[in-house]
PDB file of N, CA and C in Angstrom:
ATOM      1  N   MET A   1      26.537  31.775 -31.448  1.00  0.00           N
ATOM      2  CA  MET A   1      27.062  31.961 -32.782  1.00  0.00           C
ATOM      3  C   MET A   1      27.755  30.706 -33.283  1.00  0.00           C
ATOM      4  N   ALA A   2      28.285  29.898 -32.409  1.00  0.00           N
ATOM      5  CA  ALA A   2      29.013  28.699 -32.821  1.00  0.00           C
ATOM      6  C   ALA A   2      28.139  27.777 -33.670  1.00  0.00           C
ATOM      7  N   ASP A   3      26.832  27.763 -33.417  1.00  0.00           N
ATOM      8  CA  ASP A   3      25.932  26.915 -34.193  1.00  0.00           C
ATOM      9  C   ASP A   3      25.741  27.429 -35.611  1.00  0.00           C
ATOM     10  N   ASP A   4      26.084  28.688 -35.853  1.00  0.00           N
ATOM     11  CA  ASP A   4      25.884  29.308 -37.156  1.00  0.00           C
ATOM     12  C   ASP A   4      27.159  29.363 -37.986  1.00  0.00           C
ATOM     13  N   THR A   5      28.225  28.683 -37.511  1.00  0.00           N
ATOM     14  CA  THR A   5      29.504  28.750 -38.210  1.00  0.00           C
ATOM     15  C   THR A   5      30.066  27.354 -38.450  1.00  0.00           C
ATOM     16  N   VAL A   6      31.002  27.305 -39.386  1.00  0.00           N
ATOM     17  CA  VAL A   6      31.760  26.081 -39.639  1.00  0.00           C
ATOM     18  C   VAL A   6      33.236  26.474 -39.640  1.00  0.00           C
ATOM     19  N   THR A   7      34.050  25.666 -39.003  1.00  0.00           N
ATOM     20  CA  THR A   7      35.485  25.925 -38.937  1.00  0.00           C
ATOM     21  C   THR A   7      36.214  24.868 -39.741  1.00  0.00           C
ATOM     22  N   VAL A   8      37.112  25.320 -40.603  1.00  0.00           N
ATOM     23  CA  VAL A   8      37.914  24.432 -41.427  1.00  0.00           C
ATOM     24  C   VAL A   8      39.365  24.602 -40.998  1.00  0.00           C
ATOM     25  N   SER A   9      40.049  23.489 -40.761  1.00  0.00           N
ATOM     26  CA  SER A   9      41.455  23.511 -40.364  1.00  0.00           C
ATOM     27  C   SER A   9      42.342  23.455 -41.592  1.00  0.00           C
ATOM     28  N   LEU A  10      43.434  24.199 -41.522  1.00  0.00           N
ATOM     29  CA  LEU A  10      44.415  24.233 -42.596  1.00  0.00           C
ATOM     30  C   LEU A  10      45.744  23.744 -42.047  1.00  0.00           C
ATOM     31  N   GLU A  11      46.398  22.868 -42.795  1.00  0.00           N
ATOM     32  CA  GLU A  11      47.716  22.389 -42.410  1.00  0.00           C
ATOM     33  C   GLU A  11      48.702  22.799 -43.482  1.00  0.00           C
ATOM     34  N   GLY A  12      49.835  23.328 -43.054  1.00  0.00           N
ATOM     35  CA  GLY A  12      50.846  23.754 -44.010  1.00  0.00           C
ATOM     36  C   GLY A  12      52.226  23.351 -43.554  1.00  0.00           C
ATOM     37  N   PRO A  13      53.194  23.483 -44.448  1.00  0.00           N
ATOM     38  CA  PRO A  13      54.554  23.077 -44.109  1.00  0.00           C
ATOM     39  C   PRO A  13      55.197  23.934 -43.019  1.00  0.00           C
ATOM     40  N   ASP A  14      54.672  25.134 -42.805  1.00  0.00           N
ATOM     41  CA  ASP A  14      55.276  26.007 -41.802  1.00  0.00           C
ATOM     42  C   ASP A  14      54.289  26.440 -40.724  1.00  0.00           C
ATOM     43  N   GLY A  15      53.195  25.673 -40.573  1.00  0.00           N
ATOM     44  CA  GLY A  15      52.235  25.968 -39.521  1.00  0.00           C
ATOM     45  C   GLY A  15      50.819  25.637 -39.926  1.00  0.00           C
ATOM     46  N   ASP A  16      49.961  25.686 -38.951  1.00  0.00           N
ATOM     47  CA  ASP A  16      48.559  25.361 -39.159  1.00  0.00           C
ATOM     48  C   ASP A  16      47.708  26.579 -38.819  1.00  0.00           C
ATOM     49  N   ASP A  17      46.464  26.559 -39.304  1.00  0.00           N
ATOM     50  CA  ASP A  17      45.544  27.653 -39.033  1.00  0.00           C
ATOM     51  C   ASP A  17      44.131  27.108 -39.135  1.00  0.00           C
ATOM     52  N   GLU A  18      43.189  27.924 -38.767  1.00  0.00           N
ATOM     53  CA  GLU A  18      41.775  27.602 -38.925  1.00  0.00           C
ATOM     54  C   GLU A  18      41.077  28.818 -39.508  1.00  0.00           C
ATOM     55  N   VAL A  19      40.019  28.561 -40.246  1.00  0.00           N
ATOM     56  CA  VAL A  19      39.180  29.653 -40.738  1.00  0.00           C
ATOM     57  C   VAL A  19      37.740  29.299 -40.380  1.00  0.00           C
ATOM     58  N   THR A  20      37.038  30.270 -39.820  1.00  0.00           N
ATOM     59  CA  THR A  20      35.649  30.081 -39.431  1.00  0.00           C
ATOM     60  C   THR A  20      34.781  30.965 -40.314  1.00  0.00           C
ATOM     61  N   LEU A  21      33.779  30.348 -40.899  1.00  0.00           N
ATOM     62  CA  LEU A  21      32.863  31.048 -41.801  1.00  0.00           C
ATOM     63  C   LEU A  21      31.432  30.790 -41.382  1.00  0.00           C
ATOM     64  N   PRO A  22      30.520  31.688 -41.734  1.00  0.00           N
ATOM     65  CA  PRO A  22      29.113  31.402 -41.480  1.00  0.00           C
ATOM     66  C   PRO A  22      28.679  30.155 -42.266  1.00  0.00           C
ATOM     67  N   THR A  23      27.969  29.274 -41.621  1.00  0.00           N
ATOM     68  CA  THR A  23      27.480  28.069 -42.291  1.00  0.00           C
ATOM     69  C   THR A  23      26.651  28.435 -43.511  1.00  0.00           C
ATOM     70  N   ALA A  24      25.857  29.487 -43.409  1.00  0.00           N
ATOM     71  CA  ALA A  24      25.023  29.911 -44.535  1.00  0.00           C
ATOM     72  C   ALA A  24      25.878  30.312 -45.735  1.00  0.00           C
ATOM     73  N   MET A  25      27.047  30.902 -45.490  1.00  0.00           N
ATOM     74  CA  MET A  25      27.940  31.292 -46.587  1.00  0.00           C
ATOM     75  C   MET A  25      28.470  30.048 -47.280  1.00  0.00           C
ATOM     76  N   VAL A  26      28.899  29.070 -46.505  1.00  0.00           N
ATOM     77  CA  VAL A  26      29.411  27.827 -47.079  1.00  0.00           C
ATOM     78  C   VAL A  26      28.296  27.119 -47.848  1.00  0.00           C
ATOM     79  N   ASP A  27      27.102  27.083 -47.275  1.00  0.00           N
ATOM     80  CA  ASP A  27      25.967  26.444 -47.955  1.00  0.00           C
ATOM     81  C   ASP A  27      25.610  27.145 -49.266  1.00  0.00           C
ATOM     82  N   LEU A  28      25.743  28.460 -49.286  1.00  0.00           N
ATOM     83  CA  LEU A  28      25.463  29.235 -50.497  1.00  0.00           C
ATOM     84  C   LEU A  28      26.392  28.832 -51.636  1.00  0.00           C
ATOM     85  N   LEU A  29      27.630  28.516 -51.309  1.00  0.00           N
ATOM     86  CA  LEU A  29      28.632  28.160 -52.317  1.00  0.00           C
ATOM     87  C   LEU A  29      28.674  26.665 -52.628  1.00  0.00           C
ATOM     88  N   ARG A  30      28.010  25.872 -51.834  1.00  0.00           N
ATOM     89  CA  ARG A  30      28.067  24.416 -51.956  1.00  0.00           C
ATOM     90  C   ARG A  30      27.409  23.935 -53.244  1.00  0.00           C
ATOM     91  N   GLU A  31      28.066  22.993 -53.912  1.00  0.00           N
ATOM     92  CA  GLU A  31      27.500  22.301 -55.066  1.00  0.00           C
ATOM     93  C   GLU A  31      27.312  20.846 -54.679  1.00  0.00           C
ATOM     94  N   ALA A  32      26.080  20.367 -54.711  1.00  0.00           N
ATOM     95  CA  ALA A  32      25.735  18.992 -54.335  1.00  0.00           C
ATOM     96  C   ALA A  32      26.199  18.728 -52.901  1.00  0.00           C
ATOM     97  N   ASP A  33      26.949  17.678 -52.696  1.00  0.00           N
ATOM     98  CA  ASP A  33      27.401  17.295 -51.356  1.00  0.00           C
ATOM     99  C   ASP A  33      28.856  17.693 -51.105  1.00  0.00           C
ATOM    100  N   GLU A  34      29.297  18.754 -51.724  1.00  0.00           N
ATOM    101  CA  GLU A  34      30.676  19.217 -51.606  1.00  0.00           C
ATOM    102  C   GLU A  34      31.004  19.538 -50.137  1.00  0.00           C
ATOM    103  N   PRO A  35      32.095  18.977 -49.617  1.00  0.00           N
ATOM    104  CA  PRO A  35      32.452  19.248 -48.221  1.00  0.00           C
ATOM    105  C   PRO A  35      32.957  20.678 -48.016  1.00  0.00           C
ATOM    106  N   ALA A  36      32.804  21.180 -46.807  1.00  0.00           N
ATOM    107  CA  ALA A  36      33.225  22.543 -46.479  1.00  0.00           C
ATOM    108  C   ALA A  36      34.701  22.762 -46.785  1.00  0.00           C
ATOM    109  N   ALA A  37      35.542  21.765 -46.523  1.00  0.00           N
ATOM    110  CA  ALA A  37      36.980  21.923 -46.778  1.00  0.00           C
ATOM    111  C   ALA A  37      37.256  22.156 -48.261  1.00  0.00           C
ATOM    112  N   GLU A  38      36.523  21.492 -49.130  1.00  0.00           N
ATOM    113  CA  GLU A  38      36.716  21.684 -50.572  1.00  0.00           C
ATOM    114  C   GLU A  38      36.267  23.079 -51.000  1.00  0.00           C
ATOM    115  N   ILE A  39      35.186  23.545 -50.426  1.00  0.00           N
ATOM    116  CA  ILE A  39      34.694  24.889 -50.741  1.00  0.00           C
ATOM    117  C   ILE A  39      35.733  25.930 -50.336  1.00  0.00           C
ATOM    118  N   VAL A  40      36.276  25.796 -49.137  1.00  0.00           N
ATOM    119  CA  VAL A  40      37.286  26.744 -48.658  1.00  0.00           C
ATOM    120  C   VAL A  40      38.562  26.618 -49.491  1.00  0.00           C
ATOM    121  N   GLY A  41      38.919  25.412 -49.899  1.00  0.00           N
ATOM    122  CA  GLY A  41      40.073  25.227 -50.779  1.00  0.00           C
ATOM    123  C   GLY A  41      39.886  25.934 -52.107  1.00  0.00           C
ATOM    124  N   ASP A  42      38.677  25.809 -52.671  1.00  0.00           N
ATOM    125  CA  ASP A  42      38.375  26.511 -53.917  1.00  0.00           C
ATOM    126  C   ASP A  42      38.510  28.021 -53.738  1.00  0.00           C
ATOM    127  N   LEU A  43      37.970  28.520 -52.629  1.00  0.00           N
ATOM    128  CA  LEU A  43      38.049  29.959 -52.361  1.00  0.00           C
ATOM    129  C   LEU A  43      39.495  30.420 -52.205  1.00  0.00           C
ATOM    130  N   ALA A  44      40.305  29.618 -51.542  1.00  0.00           N
ATOM    131  CA  ALA A  44      41.709  29.986 -51.331  1.00  0.00           C
ATOM    132  C   ALA A  44      42.446  30.077 -52.663  1.00  0.00           C
ATOM    133  N   LEU A  45      42.284  29.070 -53.525  1.00  0.00           N
ATOM    134  CA  LEU A  45      42.980  29.103 -54.811  1.00  0.00           C
ATOM    135  C   LEU A  45      42.451  30.231 -55.682  1.00  0.00           C
ATOM    136  N   PHE A  46      41.137  30.437 -55.678  1.00  0.00           N
ATOM    137  CA  PHE A  46      40.545  31.516 -56.471  1.00  0.00           C
ATOM    138  C   PHE A  46      41.083  32.870 -56.005  1.00  0.00           C
ATOM    139  N   SER A  47      41.166  33.055 -54.705  1.00  0.00           N
ATOM    140  CA  SER A  47      41.676  34.315 -54.160  1.00  0.00           C
ATOM    141  C   SER A  47      43.131  34.541 -54.548  1.00  0.00           C
ATOM    142  N   CYS A  48      43.943  33.500 -54.459  1.00  0.00           N
ATOM    143  CA  CYS A  48      45.356  33.629 -54.846  1.00  0.00           C
ATOM    144  C   CYS A  48      45.485  33.945 -56.330  1.00  0.00           C
ATOM    145  N   ALA A  49      44.665  33.314 -57.152  1.00  0.00           N
ATOM    146  CA  ALA A  49      44.696  33.591 -58.588  1.00  0.00           C
ATOM    147  C   ALA A  49      44.317  35.045 -58.863  1.00  0.00           C
ATOM    148  N   GLN A  50      43.304  35.536 -58.167  1.00  0.00           N
ATOM    149  CA  GLN A  50      42.910  36.938 -58.338  1.00  0.00           C
ATOM    150  C   GLN A  50      44.046  37.878 -57.941  1.00  0.00           C
ATOM    151  N   ARG A  51      44.698  37.575 -56.836  1.00  0.00           N
ATOM    152  CA  ARG A  51      45.760  38.453 -56.334  1.00  0.00           C
ATOM    153  C   ARG A  51      46.946  38.507 -57.280  1.00  0.00           C
ATOM    154  N   ILE A  52      47.396  37.345 -57.758  1.00  0.00           N
ATOM    155  CA  ILE A  52      48.567  37.362 -58.633  1.00  0.00           C
ATOM    156  C   ILE A  52      48.197  37.958 -59.990  1.00  0.00           C
ATOM    157  N   HIS A  53      46.981  37.714 -60.454  1.00  0.00           N
ATOM    158  CA  HIS A  53      46.532  38.327 -61.711  1.00  0.00           C
ATOM    159  C   HIS A  53      46.538  39.854 -61.574  1.00  0.00           C
ATOM    160  N   ALA A  54      45.998  40.352 -60.488  1.00  0.00           N
ATOM    161  CA  ALA A  54      45.957  41.799 -60.271  1.00  0.00           C
ATOM    162  C   ALA A  54      47.361  42.376 -60.174  1.00  0.00           C
ATOM    163  N   THR A  55      48.257  41.653 -59.532  1.00  0.00           N
ATOM    164  CA  THR A  55      49.632  42.131 -59.397  1.00  0.00           C
ATOM    165  C   THR A  55      50.307  42.237 -60.752  1.00  0.00           C
ATOM    166  N   VAL A  56      50.192  41.190 -61.558  1.00  0.00           N
ATOM    167  CA  VAL A  56      50.891  41.155 -62.850  1.00  0.00           C
ATOM    168  C   VAL A  56      50.262  42.106 -63.870  1.00  0.00           C
ATOM    169  N   HIS A  57      48.941  42.166 -63.902  1.00  0.00           N
ATOM    170  CA  HIS A  57      48.271  42.896 -64.988  1.00  0.00           C
ATOM    171  C   HIS A  57      47.731  44.274 -64.612  1.00  0.00           C
ATOM    172  N   HIS A  58      47.637  44.562 -63.314  1.00  0.00           N
ATOM    173  CA  HIS A  58      46.972  45.803 -62.935  1.00  0.00           C
ATOM    174  C   HIS A  58      47.725  46.638 -61.903  1.00  0.00           C
ATOM    175  N   ALA A  59      48.878  46.186 -61.457  1.00  0.00           N
ATOM    176  CA  ALA A  59      49.647  46.947 -60.462  1.00  0.00           C
ATOM    177  C   ALA A  59      50.920  47.498 -61.097  1.00  0.00           C
ATOM    178  N   GLU A  60      51.235  48.705 -60.755  1.00  0.00           N
ATOM    179  CA  GLU A  60      52.458  49.305 -61.275  1.00  0.00           C
ATOM    180  C   GLU A  60      53.665  48.500 -60.793  1.00  0.00           C
ATOM    181  N   GLY A  61      54.502  48.105 -61.738  1.00  0.00           N
ATOM    182  CA  GLY A  61      55.699  47.347 -61.400  1.00  0.00           C
ATOM    183  C   GLY A  61      55.470  45.874 -61.129  1.00  0.00           C
ATOM    184  N   GLY A  62      54.253  45.401 -61.354  1.00  0.00           N
ATOM    185  CA  GLY A  62      53.934  44.011 -61.050  1.00  0.00           C
ATOM    186  C   GLY A  62      54.262  43.028 -62.143  1.00  0.00           C
ATOM    187  N   ASP A  63      54.684  43.529 -63.298  1.00  0.00           N
ATOM    188  CA  ASP A  63      54.915  42.637 -64.433  1.00  0.00           C
ATOM    189  C   ASP A  63      56.358  42.143 -64.508  1.00  0.00           C
ATOM    190  N   THR A  64      56.929  41.806 -63.354  1.00  0.00           N
ATOM    191  CA  THR A  64      58.299  41.284 -63.323  1.00  0.00           C
ATOM    192  C   THR A  64      58.297  39.812 -63.735  1.00  0.00           C
ATOM    193  N   LYS A  65      59.438  39.297 -64.102  1.00  0.00           N
ATOM    194  CA  LYS A  65      59.561  37.891 -64.466  1.00  0.00           C
ATOM    195  C   LYS A  65      59.151  37.009 -63.290  1.00  0.00           C
ATOM    196  N   GLU A  66      59.578  37.370 -62.081  1.00  0.00           N
ATOM    197  CA  GLU A  66      59.235  36.585 -60.895  1.00  0.00           C
ATOM    198  C   GLU A  66      57.717  36.476 -60.726  1.00  0.00           C
ATOM    199  N   PHE A  67      57.011  37.601 -60.808  1.00  0.00           N
ATOM    200  CA  PHE A  67      55.562  37.583 -60.636  1.00  0.00           C
ATOM    201  C   PHE A  67      54.867  36.864 -61.790  1.00  0.00           C
ATOM    202  N   LYS A  68      55.374  37.033 -62.998  1.00  0.00           N
ATOM    203  CA  LYS A  68      54.800  36.328 -64.147  1.00  0.00           C
ATOM    204  C   LYS A  68      54.959  34.819 -63.991  1.00  0.00           C
ATOM    205  N   ASP A  69      56.103  34.373 -63.473  1.00  0.00           N
ATOM    206  CA  ASP A  69      56.317  32.945 -63.235  1.00  0.00           C
ATOM    207  C   ASP A  69      55.359  32.417 -62.167  1.00  0.00           C
ATOM    208  N   ILE A  70      55.158  33.193 -61.110  1.00  0.00           N
ATOM    209  CA  ILE A  70      54.205  32.812 -60.057  1.00  0.00           C
ATOM    210  C   ILE A  70      52.798  32.738 -60.640  1.00  0.00           C
ATOM    211  N   GLU A  71      52.444  33.723 -61.469  1.00  0.00           N
ATOM    212  CA  GLU A  71      51.116  33.717 -62.087  1.00  0.00           C
ATOM    213  C   GLU A  71      50.941  32.479 -62.954  1.00  0.00           C
ATOM    214  N   GLU A  72      51.935  32.147 -63.742  1.00  0.00           N
ATOM    215  CA  GLU A  72      51.830  30.984 -64.620  1.00  0.00           C
ATOM    216  C   GLU A  72      51.605  29.705 -63.816  1.00  0.00           C
ATOM    217  N   SER A  73      52.361  29.527 -62.756  1.00  0.00           N
ATOM    218  CA  SER A  73      52.189  28.336 -61.911  1.00  0.00           C
ATOM    219  C   SER A  73      50.814  28.311 -61.260  1.00  0.00           C
ATOM    220  N   THR A  74      50.389  29.461 -60.750  1.00  0.00           N
ATOM    221  CA  THR A  74      49.085  29.556 -60.098  1.00  0.00           C
ATOM    222  C   THR A  74      47.963  29.246 -61.076  1.00  0.00           C
ATOM    223  N   MET A  75      48.057  29.790 -62.277  1.00  0.00           N
ATOM    224  CA  MET A  75      47.003  29.573 -63.260  1.00  0.00           C
ATOM    225  C   MET A  75      46.977  28.125 -63.759  1.00  0.00           C
ATOM    226  N   ASP A  76      48.129  27.466 -63.812  1.00  0.00           N
ATOM    227  CA  ASP A  76      48.150  26.037 -64.142  1.00  0.00           C
ATOM    228  C   ASP A  76      47.409  25.232 -63.074  1.00  0.00           C
ATOM    229  N   LEU A  77      47.663  25.550 -61.805  1.00  0.00           N
ATOM    230  CA  LEU A  77      46.977  24.866 -60.707  1.00  0.00           C
ATOM    231  C   LEU A  77      45.485  25.190 -60.711  1.00  0.00           C
ATOM    232  N   PHE A  78      45.152  26.427 -61.033  1.00  0.00           N
ATOM    233  CA  PHE A  78      43.760  26.858 -61.123  1.00  0.00           C
ATOM    234  C   PHE A  78      43.021  26.032 -62.170  1.00  0.00           C
ATOM    235  N   GLU A  79      43.608  25.931 -63.356  1.00  0.00           N
ATOM    236  CA  GLU A  79      42.967  25.194 -64.446  1.00  0.00           C
ATOM    237  C   GLU A  79      42.842  23.711 -64.115  1.00  0.00           C
ATOM    238  N   ALA A  80      43.838  23.161 -63.456  1.00  0.00           N
ATOM    239  CA  ALA A  80      43.773  21.747 -63.070  1.00  0.00           C
ATOM    240  C   ALA A  80      42.648  21.502 -62.067  1.00  0.00           C
ATOM    241  N   ARG A  81      42.445  22.430 -61.153  1.00  0.00           N
ATOM    242  CA  ARG A  81      41.408  22.245 -60.130  1.00  0.00           C
ATOM    243  C   ARG A  81      40.009  22.500 -60.673  1.00  0.00           C
ATOM    244  N   PHE A  82      39.860  23.550 -61.475  1.00  0.00           N
ATOM    245  CA  PHE A  82      38.528  23.963 -61.903  1.00  0.00           C
ATOM    246  C   PHE A  82      38.145  23.484 -63.302  1.00  0.00           C
ATOM    247  N   GLY A  83      39.103  22.950 -64.053  1.00  0.00           N
ATOM    248  CA  GLY A  83      38.794  22.440 -65.389  1.00  0.00           C
ATOM    249  C   GLY A  83      38.543  23.521 -66.423  1.00  0.00           C
ATOM    250  N   ALA A  84      38.941  24.740 -66.108  1.00  0.00           N
ATOM    251  CA  ALA A  84      38.784  25.873 -67.030  1.00  0.00           C
ATOM    252  C   ALA A  84      39.813  26.918 -66.636  1.00  0.00           C
ATOM    253  N   THR A  85      40.133  27.799 -67.564  1.00  0.00           N
ATOM    254  CA  THR A  85      41.102  28.847 -67.262  1.00  0.00           C
ATOM    255  C   THR A  85      40.469  29.937 -66.401  1.00  0.00           C
ATOM    256  N   TYR A  86      41.332  30.721 -65.788  1.00  0.00           N
ATOM    257  CA  TYR A  86      40.885  31.865 -65.000  1.00  0.00           C
ATOM    258  C   TYR A  86      40.042  32.806 -65.873  1.00  0.00           C
ATOM    259  N   GLY A  87      40.513  33.052 -67.091  1.00  0.00           N
ATOM    260  CA  GLY A  87      39.781  33.920 -68.006  1.00  0.00           C
ATOM    261  C   GLY A  87      38.412  33.373 -68.368  1.00  0.00           C
ATOM    262  N   GLU A  88      38.329  32.070 -68.586  1.00  0.00           N
ATOM    263  CA  GLU A  88      37.037  31.458 -68.925  1.00  0.00           C
ATOM    264  C   GLU A  88      36.058  31.577 -67.778  1.00  0.00           C
ATOM    265  N   ILE A  89      36.528  31.366 -66.561  1.00  0.00           N
ATOM    266  CA  ILE A  89      35.627  31.408 -65.407  1.00  0.00           C
ATOM    267  C   ILE A  89      35.227  32.826 -65.050  1.00  0.00           C
ATOM    268  N   THR A  90      36.165  33.756 -65.137  1.00  0.00           N
ATOM    269  CA  THR A  90      35.866  35.128 -64.705  1.00  0.00           C
ATOM    270  C   THR A  90      35.398  36.021 -65.847  1.00  0.00           C
ATOM    271  N   GLY A  91      35.658  35.616 -67.090  1.00  0.00           N
ATOM    272  CA  GLY A  91      35.340  36.477 -68.224  1.00  0.00           C
ATOM    273  C   GLY A  91      36.327  37.614 -68.375  1.00  0.00           C
ATOM    274  N   HIS A  92      37.418  37.554 -67.624  1.00  0.00           N
ATOM    275  CA  HIS A  92      38.425  38.614 -67.630  1.00  0.00           C
ATOM    276  C   HIS A  92      39.692  38.067 -68.273  1.00  0.00           C
ATOM    277  N   GLN A  93      39.938  38.489 -69.495  1.00  0.00           N
ATOM    278  CA  GLN A  93      41.081  37.954 -70.219  1.00  0.00           C
ATOM    279  C   GLN A  93      41.952  39.093 -70.750  1.00  0.00           C
ATOM    280  N   HIS A  94      43.227  38.783 -70.907  1.00  0.00           N
ATOM    281  CA  HIS A  94      44.166  39.759 -71.455  1.00  0.00           C
ATOM    282  C   HIS A  94      44.779  39.197 -72.708  1.00  0.00           C
TER     283      HIS A  94
END
């Protein structure tokens, strides 16, 4: 199975981790010669944006100032990385 997977290392201020994905999955998401680490980075930011969006707009009690501030920061980083807003990319706007 090791030949069918790619492992990407993550470094953070409070620890490190690794994520292993099927090579075919990474290849499916690859654009041109995009490295696996960039693909996983895109997935991580996209996932975080989805989570905070769902918390603020679709979860009971999620529309607190704290969560709205987190969403705003996350969406600014999202737009900077992807060159478009979360709503533009997903078609899901409020």
